[in-house]
Amino acid sequence: MKKFAIIITTKNRLEDLVVTLGKIEHLIRRDDVECIICDDGSNDGTYQYLEKSHHEIQYFRNEKSRGLIYSRNRLLEKVTAEYAISIDDDLHFITGEPLEIIEEYFLQNPRCALMSFRIFWSKSEPIKTITAQTPERTKSFAGGAHALRVSDWKKIPNYPEWFVFYGEESFAALHMHMHDMEIHYVPRILVNHRVEMTERKRGGDRLLRLRRSLRSGWYLYFLFMPMKVIPKKMGHSLWHQ
C-alpha cells in the first residue's frame, strides 16, 4: 500500500494541468506515492495527453462531464494510500518536502482527520513564504488544497453529488465534527493557486458561482439545522448577497 495519494480533478484545462504535473513530478515519481487524475469529460486532449505522457499516473475519464463533486468521490474511492492529498489542476506546492510535513503533522495530531493548506492566490509564485501564522482548528477546509487521513474519511458519507458545485467541503466538515474529528489549518504547507482573484471576480461566471454557493448553503441548512431557525438563516443569507 502506498503512503500518499495525490488526487486531481480536471476539465478542459490541459495547459494548467501540464504545469501542475511538472511542478509536482518529483512527488508523483516517488515509490510511496500514487497519483490519480479524473478527466471530467474534457475535449481539449487532456486524456490523450495523459495516455501518451504519464504512464506513472493512474487516470480515468468521465465520457460525459459529471461535475467536480462526483469526480472527487470517484477519486477518493480509488485511493488505497494512508493519506489523500487533493489539489486543483492549477495549483502546486511551494513548500519543500510537503509529504513529510503532512505525515509528521498527522502523527503528532491523532485527532486531526483533515488539514487545509495555506493558499497564495496569484499566477506568480510568492516572493516571501515565511508566515507568523500557526496551526489552528477550523470549521471547514479548501476543497482543492488539503490532505486527509483516509481511514477517517471512510467513516463519513461521500460528498453530496446533488450539490453539483460548492458546499461539499462544509457538508464533509459538519460530518467530521459530528464524529469528533478535527480539521486543522496548517500554514506551514504553502501552495500557489495560479488564479488572479481580480480576474475571477470580473469573470462571466461570477453570478453563477454566487447562485450555486447560496444554493448549497441552503441545502446545508435543511440537512443540519432545526426547522425553526432556517427561515431566518435564509433571509440573512439573501440580505448579504
C-alpha atoms as a PDB file:
ATOM      1  CA  MET A   1       0.000   0.000   0.000  1.00  0.00           C
ATOM      2  CA  LYS A   2       1.228   3.473  -0.868  1.00  0.00           C
ATOM      3  CA  LYS A   3       1.545   6.065   1.872  1.00  0.00           C
ATOM      4  CA  PHE A   4       0.311   9.089  -0.110  1.00  0.00           C
ATOM      5  CA  ALA A   5      -2.211   9.638  -2.892  1.00  0.00           C
ATOM      6  CA  ILE A   6      -2.313  12.889  -4.851  1.00  0.00           C
ATOM      7  CA  ILE A   7      -5.724  13.285  -6.491  1.00  0.00           C
ATOM      8  CA  ILE A   8      -6.703  15.836  -9.139  1.00  0.00           C
ATOM      9  CA  THR A   9      -9.942  16.548 -10.998  1.00  0.00           C
ATOM     10  CA  THR A  10      -9.585  18.366 -14.303  1.00  0.00           C
ATOM     11  CA  LYS A  11     -11.774  19.540 -17.147  1.00  0.00           C
ATOM     12  CA  ASN A  12     -10.576  21.374 -20.258  1.00  0.00           C
ATOM     13  CA  ARG A  13      -7.556  22.916 -18.541  1.00  0.00           C
ATOM     14  CA  LEU A  14      -4.776  20.952 -20.172  1.00  0.00           C
ATOM     15  CA  GLU A  15      -2.317  23.844 -20.104  1.00  0.00           C
ATOM     16  CA  ASP A  16      -2.787  24.304 -16.357  1.00  0.00           C
ATOM     17  CA  LEU A  17      -2.598  20.563 -15.724  1.00  0.00           C
ATOM     18  CA  VAL A  18       0.689  20.249 -17.627  1.00  0.00           C
ATOM     19  CA  VAL A  19       2.222  22.969 -15.451  1.00  0.00           C
ATOM     20  CA  THR A  20       0.951  21.358 -12.253  1.00  0.00           C
ATOM     21  CA  LEU A  21       2.246  17.911 -13.159  1.00  0.00           C
ATOM     22  CA  GLY A  22       5.617  19.413 -13.997  1.00  0.00           C
ATOM     23  CA  LYS A  23       5.751  21.163 -10.630  1.00  0.00           C
ATOM     24  CA  ILE A  24       4.911  18.001  -8.665  1.00  0.00           C
ATOM     25  CA  GLU A  25       6.775  15.488 -10.851  1.00  0.00           C
ATOM     26  CA  HIS A  26       9.330  14.839  -8.099  1.00  0.00           C
ATOM     27  CA  LEU A  27       6.466  13.822  -5.808  1.00  0.00           C
ATOM     28  CA  ILE A  28       4.468  11.590  -8.143  1.00  0.00           C
ATOM     29  CA  ARG A  29       7.589   9.632  -9.122  1.00  0.00           C
ATOM     30  CA  ARG A  30       8.212   8.589  -5.521  1.00  0.00           C
ATOM     31  CA  ASP A  31       7.719   4.927  -4.658  1.00  0.00           C
ATOM     32  CA  ASP A  32       5.381   5.778  -1.767  1.00  0.00           C
ATOM     33  CA  VAL A  33       3.059   7.982  -3.880  1.00  0.00           C
ATOM     34  CA  GLU A  34       0.148   7.199  -6.171  1.00  0.00           C
ATOM     35  CA  CYS A  35      -1.264   9.961  -8.359  1.00  0.00           C
ATOM     36  CA  ILE A  36      -4.821   9.611  -9.650  1.00  0.00           C
ATOM     37  CA  ILE A  37      -6.448  12.025 -12.097  1.00  0.00           C
ATOM     38  CA  CYS A  38     -10.085  12.239 -13.161  1.00  0.00           C
ATOM     39  CA  ASP A  39     -10.691  13.798 -16.569  1.00  0.00           C
ATOM     40  CA  ASP A  40     -14.249  15.068 -16.264  1.00  0.00           C
ATOM     41  CA  GLY A  41     -15.284  14.935 -19.906  1.00  0.00           C
ATOM     42  CA  SER A  42     -12.564  17.182 -21.362  1.00  0.00           C
ATOM     43  CA  ASN A  43     -12.498  17.802 -25.114  1.00  0.00           C
ATOM     44  CA  ASP A  44      -9.126  19.572 -25.230  1.00  0.00           C
ATOM     45  CA  GLY A  45      -6.917  16.478 -25.496  1.00  0.00           C
ATOM     46  CA  THR A  46      -6.362  16.009 -21.761  1.00  0.00           C
ATOM     47  CA  TYR A  47      -6.963  12.257 -21.759  1.00  0.00           C
ATOM     48  CA  GLN A  48      -4.806  11.705 -24.827  1.00  0.00           C
ATOM     49  CA  TYR A  49      -2.003  13.685 -23.181  1.00  0.00           C
ATOM     50  CA  LEU A  50      -2.157  11.529 -20.047  1.00  0.00           C
ATOM     51  CA  GLU A  51      -2.164   8.333 -22.127  1.00  0.00           C
ATOM     52  CA  LYS A  52       0.901   9.442 -24.055  1.00  0.00           C
ATOM     53  CA  SER A  53       2.986  11.222 -21.437  1.00  0.00           C
ATOM     54  CA  HIS A  54       2.274   9.934 -17.932  1.00  0.00           C
ATOM     55  CA  HIS A  55       2.413   6.176 -17.514  1.00  0.00           C
ATOM     56  CA  GLU A  56       3.268   6.619 -13.829  1.00  0.00           C
ATOM     57  CA  ILE A  57      -0.166   8.179 -13.198  1.00  0.00           C
ATOM     58  CA  GLN A  58      -3.495   6.418 -12.789  1.00  0.00           C
ATOM     59  CA  TYR A  59      -6.202   8.193 -14.742  1.00  0.00           C
ATOM     60  CA  PHE A  60      -9.776   7.678 -15.788  1.00  0.00           C
ATOM     61  CA  ARG A  61     -12.337   9.636 -17.739  1.00  0.00           C
ATOM     62  CA  ASN A  62     -15.981  10.563 -17.395  1.00  0.00           C
ATOM     63  CA  GLU A  63     -17.161  10.337 -21.004  1.00  0.00           C
ATOM     64  CA  LYS A  64     -19.756  12.961 -20.129  1.00  0.00           C
ATOM     65  CA  SER A  65     -18.963  15.660 -17.587  1.00  0.00           C
ATOM     66  CA  ARG A  66     -20.403  14.673 -14.198  1.00  0.00           C
ATOM     67  CA  GLY A  67     -19.146  17.616 -12.174  1.00  0.00           C
ATOM     68  CA  LEU A  68     -16.459  18.308  -9.617  1.00  0.00           C
ATOM     69  CA  ILE A  69     -18.146  16.656  -6.628  1.00  0.00           C
ATOM     70  CA  TYR A  70     -18.965  13.423  -8.467  1.00  0.00           C
ATOM     71  CA  SER A  71     -15.392  13.257  -9.734  1.00  0.00           C
ATOM     72  CA  ARG A  72     -13.875  13.803  -6.290  1.00  0.00           C
ATOM     73  CA  ASN A  73     -15.970  10.961  -4.903  1.00  0.00           C
ATOM     74  CA  ARG A  74     -14.752   8.608  -7.621  1.00  0.00           C
ATOM     75  CA  LEU A  75     -11.154   9.630  -6.950  1.00  0.00           C
ATOM     76  CA  LEU A  76     -11.435   9.000  -3.219  1.00  0.00           C
ATOM     77  CA  GLU A  77     -12.986   5.590  -3.889  1.00  0.00           C
ATOM     78  CA  LYS A  78      -9.867   4.611  -5.833  1.00  0.00           C
ATOM     79  CA  VAL A  79      -7.375   5.718  -3.174  1.00  0.00           C
ATOM     80  CA  THR A  80      -5.522   2.885  -1.430  1.00  0.00           C
ATOM     81  CA  ALA A  81      -2.976   5.066   0.368  1.00  0.00           C
ATOM     82  CA  GLU A  82      -2.920   6.119   4.010  1.00  0.00           C
ATOM     83  CA  TYR A  83      -3.211   9.833   3.229  1.00  0.00           C
ATOM     84  CA  ALA A  84      -5.030  11.512   0.322  1.00  0.00           C
ATOM     85  CA  ILE A  85      -3.924  14.933  -0.906  1.00  0.00           C
ATOM     86  CA  SER A  86      -6.471  16.808  -3.016  1.00  0.00           C
ATOM     87  CA  ILE A  87      -5.203  19.647  -5.197  1.00  0.00           C
ATOM     88  CA  ASP A  88      -6.729  21.673  -8.020  1.00  0.00           C
ATOM     89  CA  ASP A  89      -5.357  21.262 -11.528  1.00  0.00           C
ATOM     90  CA  ASP A  90      -3.983  24.824 -11.429  1.00  0.00           C
ATOM     91  CA  LEU A  91      -2.244  24.576  -8.056  1.00  0.00           C
ATOM     92  CA  HIS A  92       1.170  23.397  -6.877  1.00  0.00           C
ATOM     93  CA  PHE A  93       3.238  23.210  -3.708  1.00  0.00           C
ATOM     94  CA  ILE A  94       5.633  25.989  -2.759  1.00  0.00           C
ATOM     95  CA  THR A  95       6.734  24.343   0.486  1.00  0.00           C
ATOM     96  CA  GLY A  96       9.583  21.881   0.142  1.00  0.00           C
ATOM     97  CA  GLU A  97       9.009  18.303   1.339  1.00  0.00           C
ATOM     98  CA  PRO A  98       5.235  18.716   1.834  1.00  0.00           C
ATOM     99  CA  LEU A  99       4.606  14.996   2.178  1.00  0.00           C
ATOM    100  CA  GLU A 100       6.957  14.673   5.126  1.00  0.00           C
ATOM    101  CA  ILE A 101       5.260  17.623   6.819  1.00  0.00           C
ATOM    102  CA  ILE A 102       1.822  16.111   6.215  1.00  0.00           C
ATOM    103  CA  GLU A 103       2.773  12.752   7.696  1.00  0.00           C
ATOM    104  CA  GLU A 104       4.548  14.309  10.664  1.00  0.00           C
ATOM    105  CA  TYR A 105       1.573  16.537  11.448  1.00  0.00           C
ATOM    106  CA  PHE A 106      -0.942  13.705  11.308  1.00  0.00           C
ATOM    107  CA  LEU A 107       1.245  11.540  13.548  1.00  0.00           C
ATOM    108  CA  GLN A 108       1.611  14.338  16.083  1.00  0.00           C
ATOM    109  CA  ASN A 109      -2.109  15.196  15.980  1.00  0.00           C
ATOM    110  CA  PRO A 110      -4.066  11.914  16.030  1.00  0.00           C
ATOM    111  CA  ARG A 111      -7.441  13.689  16.364  1.00  0.00           C
ATOM    112  CA  CYS A 112      -6.816  15.657  13.170  1.00  0.00           C
ATOM    113  CA  ALA A 113      -8.644  13.968  10.282  1.00  0.00           C
ATOM    114  CA  LEU A 114      -8.022  16.662   7.670  1.00  0.00           C
ATOM    115  CA  MET A 115      -5.623  19.557   7.208  1.00  0.00           C
ATOM    116  CA  SER A 116      -6.171  22.589   4.996  1.00  0.00           C
ATOM    117  CA  PHE A 117      -3.175  24.307   3.387  1.00  0.00           C
ATOM    118  CA  ARG A 118      -2.195  27.976   3.213  1.00  0.00           C
ATOM    119  CA  ILE A 119      -3.010  29.316  -0.256  1.00  0.00           C
ATOM    120  CA  PHE A 120      -1.262  32.072  -2.196  1.00  0.00           C
ATOM    121  CA  TRP A 121      -3.576  33.304  -4.968  1.00  0.00           C
ATOM    122  CA  SER A 122      -1.589  34.574  -7.941  1.00  0.00           C
ATOM    123  CA  LYS A 123      -0.277  33.499 -11.319  1.00  0.00           C
ATOM    124  CA  SER A 124       3.189  34.285  -9.961  1.00  0.00           C
ATOM    125  CA  GLU A 125       4.845  32.479  -7.071  1.00  0.00           C
ATOM    126  CA  PRO A 126       5.218  34.436  -3.808  1.00  0.00           C
ATOM    127  CA  ILE A 127       8.427  36.345  -3.143  1.00  0.00           C
ATOM    128  CA  LYS A 128       8.178  35.704   0.590  1.00  0.00           C
ATOM    129  CA  THR A 129       6.938  32.428   2.022  1.00  0.00           C
ATOM    130  CA  ILE A 130       7.503  32.924   5.752  1.00  0.00           C
ATOM    131  CA  THR A 131       4.412  33.448   7.887  1.00  0.00           C
ATOM    132  CA  ALA A 132       3.694  34.177  11.530  1.00  0.00           C
ATOM    133  CA  GLN A 133       0.521  32.099  11.336  1.00  0.00           C
ATOM    134  CA  THR A 134       0.334  28.959  13.448  1.00  0.00           C
ATOM    135  CA  PRO A 135      -1.783  25.806  13.098  1.00  0.00           C
ATOM    136  CA  GLU A 136      -5.320  26.066  14.406  1.00  0.00           C
ATOM    137  CA  ARG A 137      -8.602  24.191  14.403  1.00  0.00           C
ATOM    138  CA  THR A 138     -11.037  25.389  11.774  1.00  0.00           C
ATOM    139  CA  LYS A 139     -14.651  24.825  10.764  1.00  0.00           C
ATOM    140  CA  SER A 140     -14.065  23.852   7.133  1.00  0.00           C
ATOM    141  CA  PHE A 141     -11.337  23.490   4.514  1.00  0.00           C
ATOM    142  CA  ALA A 142     -10.273  24.255   0.956  1.00  0.00           C
ATOM    143  CA  GLY A 143     -11.519  21.541  -1.395  1.00  0.00           C
ATOM    144  CA  GLY A 144      -8.568  21.852  -3.761  1.00  0.00           C
ATOM    145  CA  ALA A 145      -5.813  22.282  -1.175  1.00  0.00           C
ATOM    146  CA  HIS A 146      -5.999  19.771   1.643  1.00  0.00           C
ATOM    147  CA  ALA A 147      -4.830  16.405   2.927  1.00  0.00           C
ATOM    148  CA  LEU A 148      -6.934  13.864   4.772  1.00  0.00           C
ATOM    149  CA  ARG A 149      -6.499  10.680   6.737  1.00  0.00           C
ATOM    150  CA  VAL A 150      -8.236   8.073   4.560  1.00  0.00           C
ATOM    151  CA  SER A 151      -9.256   5.849   7.489  1.00  0.00           C
ATOM    152  CA  ASP A 152     -11.187   8.774   8.983  1.00  0.00           C
ATOM    153  CA  TRP A 153     -12.702   9.788   5.658  1.00  0.00           C
ATOM    154  CA  LYS A 154     -14.271   6.347   5.284  1.00  0.00           C
ATOM    155  CA  LYS A 155     -16.262   6.939   8.474  1.00  0.00           C
ATOM    156  CA  ILE A 156     -18.353   9.746   6.965  1.00  0.00           C
ATOM    157  CA  PRO A 157     -20.686   9.910   3.921  1.00  0.00           C
ATOM    158  CA  ASN A 158     -19.406  10.728   0.451  1.00  0.00           C
ATOM    159  CA  TYR A 159     -19.655  14.267  -0.830  1.00  0.00           C
ATOM    160  CA  PRO A 160     -23.290  15.039  -1.814  1.00  0.00           C
ATOM    161  CA  GLU A 161     -23.154  14.830  -5.605  1.00  0.00           C
ATOM    162  CA  TRP A 162     -26.506  16.582  -5.976  1.00  0.00           C
ATOM    163  CA  PHE A 163     -24.826  19.758  -4.679  1.00  0.00           C
ATOM    164  CA  VAL A 164     -23.036  19.745  -8.104  1.00  0.00           C
ATOM    165  CA  PHE A 165     -20.662  22.604  -7.225  1.00  0.00           C
ATOM    166  CA  TYR A 166     -19.850  24.324  -3.899  1.00  0.00           C
ATOM    167  CA  GLY A 167     -20.777  23.314  -0.383  1.00  0.00           C
ATOM    168  CA  GLU A 168     -19.307  19.821  -0.346  1.00  0.00           C
ATOM    169  CA  GLU A 169     -16.487  20.883   1.974  1.00  0.00           C
ATOM    170  CA  SER A 170     -18.915  22.241   4.562  1.00  0.00           C
ATOM    171  CA  PHE A 171     -21.009  19.067   4.288  1.00  0.00           C
ATOM    172  CA  ALA A 172     -17.965  16.891   4.979  1.00  0.00           C
ATOM    173  CA  ALA A 173     -16.718  19.201   7.730  1.00  0.00           C
ATOM    174  CA  LEU A 174     -20.032  19.058   9.590  1.00  0.00           C
ATOM    175  CA  HIS A 175     -19.999  15.267   9.478  1.00  0.00           C
ATOM    176  CA  MET A 176     -16.423  15.250  10.750  1.00  0.00           C
ATOM    177  CA  HIS A 177     -17.343  17.469  13.668  1.00  0.00           C
ATOM    178  CA  MET A 178     -20.287  15.169  14.435  1.00  0.00           C
ATOM    179  CA  HIS A 179     -17.790  12.277  14.638  1.00  0.00           C
ATOM    180  CA  ASP A 180     -15.469  14.262  16.945  1.00  0.00           C
ATOM    181  CA  MET A 181     -12.851  14.581  14.212  1.00  0.00           C
ATOM    182  CA  GLU A 182     -10.768  17.724  13.965  1.00  0.00           C
ATOM    183  CA  ILE A 183      -9.955  19.878  10.927  1.00  0.00           C
ATOM    184  CA  HIS A 184      -6.782  21.928  11.155  1.00  0.00           C
ATOM    185  CA  TYR A 185      -5.413  24.830   9.153  1.00  0.00           C
ATOM    186  CA  VAL A 186      -1.691  24.148   8.669  1.00  0.00           C
ATOM    187  CA  PRO A 187       0.033  27.275   7.279  1.00  0.00           C
ATOM    188  CA  ARG A 188       3.411  25.555   7.134  1.00  0.00           C
ATOM    189  CA  ILE A 189       2.258  23.946   3.887  1.00  0.00           C
ATOM    190  CA  LEU A 190       2.052  26.713   1.295  1.00  0.00           C
ATOM    191  CA  VAL A 191       0.538  26.210  -2.143  1.00  0.00           C
ATOM    192  CA  ASN A 192       0.272  28.508  -5.140  1.00  0.00           C
ATOM    193  CA  HIS A 193      -3.189  28.635  -6.726  1.00  0.00           C
ATOM    194  CA  ARG A 194      -2.417  30.119 -10.122  1.00  0.00           C
ATOM    195  CA  VAL A 195      -5.514  32.328 -10.287  1.00  0.00           C
ATOM    196  CA  GLU A 196      -5.758  36.107 -10.083  1.00  0.00           C
ATOM    197  CA  MET A 197      -8.622  36.924  -7.728  1.00  0.00           C
ATOM    198  CA  THR A 198      -9.404  40.194  -9.531  1.00  0.00           C
ATOM    199  CA  GLU A 199      -9.897  38.273 -12.781  1.00  0.00           C
ATOM    200  CA  ARG A 200     -12.140  35.729 -11.064  1.00  0.00           C
ATOM    201  CA  LYS A 201     -14.312  38.486  -9.588  1.00  0.00           C
ATOM    202  CA  ARG A 202     -14.709  40.032 -13.044  1.00  0.00           C
ATOM    203  CA  GLY A 203     -15.322  36.661 -14.691  1.00  0.00           C
ATOM    204  CA  GLY A 204     -18.518  35.943 -16.585  1.00  0.00           C
ATOM    205  CA  ASP A 205     -19.389  33.043 -14.285  1.00  0.00           C
ATOM    206  CA  ARG A 206     -19.316  35.129 -11.094  1.00  0.00           C
ATOM    207  CA  LEU A 207     -23.111  35.306 -10.816  1.00  0.00           C
ATOM    208  CA  LEU A 208     -23.411  31.560 -11.399  1.00  0.00           C
ATOM    209  CA  ARG A 209     -20.850  30.919  -8.652  1.00  0.00           C
ATOM    210  CA  LEU A 210     -22.782  33.128  -6.241  1.00  0.00           C
ATOM    211  CA  ARG A 211     -26.045  31.342  -7.014  1.00  0.00           C
ATOM    212  CA  ARG A 212     -24.515  27.908  -6.524  1.00  0.00           C
ATOM    213  CA  SER A 213     -22.854  28.995  -3.300  1.00  0.00           C
ATOM    214  CA  LEU A 214     -26.164  30.311  -1.971  1.00  0.00           C
ATOM    215  CA  ARG A 215     -27.999  27.158  -3.029  1.00  0.00           C
ATOM    216  CA  SER A 216     -25.524  24.822  -1.353  1.00  0.00           C
ATOM    217  CA  GLY A 217     -25.709  26.909   1.811  1.00  0.00           C
ATOM    218  CA  TRP A 218     -29.474  26.432   1.882  1.00  0.00           C
ATOM    219  CA  TYR A 219     -29.066  22.697   1.343  1.00  0.00           C
ATOM    220  CA  LEU A 220     -26.858  22.592   4.450  1.00  0.00           C
ATOM    221  CA  TYR A 221     -29.456  24.477   6.487  1.00  0.00           C
ATOM    222  CA  PHE A 222     -32.107  21.855   5.726  1.00  0.00           C
ATOM    223  CA  LEU A 223     -29.713  18.971   6.366  1.00  0.00           C
ATOM    224  CA  PHE A 224     -28.211  20.112   9.653  1.00  0.00           C
ATOM    225  CA  MET A 225     -30.342  22.816  11.307  1.00  0.00           C
ATOM    226  CA  PRO A 226     -33.647  22.828  13.231  1.00  0.00           C
ATOM    227  CA  MET A 227     -36.533  23.892  11.002  1.00  0.00           C
ATOM    228  CA  LYS A 228     -37.461  26.829  13.221  1.00  0.00           C
ATOM    229  CA  VAL A 229     -34.187  28.684  12.544  1.00  0.00           C
ATOM    230  CA  ILE A 230     -33.993  28.040   8.789  1.00  0.00           C
ATOM    231  CA  PRO A 231     -36.222  30.925   7.528  1.00  0.00           C
ATOM    232  CA  LYS A 232     -34.156  33.470   9.455  1.00  0.00           C
ATOM    233  CA  LYS A 233     -30.916  31.969   8.157  1.00  0.00           C
ATOM    234  CA  MET A 234     -32.161  32.021   4.561  1.00  0.00           C
ATOM    235  CA  GLY A 235     -33.278  35.630   4.843  1.00  0.00           C
ATOM    236  CA  HIS A 236     -29.943  36.608   6.339  1.00  0.00           C
ATOM    237  CA  SER A 237     -28.036  34.912   3.507  1.00  0.00           C
ATOM    238  CA  LEU A 238     -30.122  36.725   0.874  1.00  0.00           C
ATOM    239  CA  TRP A 239     -29.559  40.074   2.563  1.00  0.00           C
ATOM    240  CA  HIS A 240     -25.791  39.670   2.352  1.00  0.00           C
ATOM    241  CA  GLN A 241     -25.651  38.798  -1.361  1.00  0.00           C
END
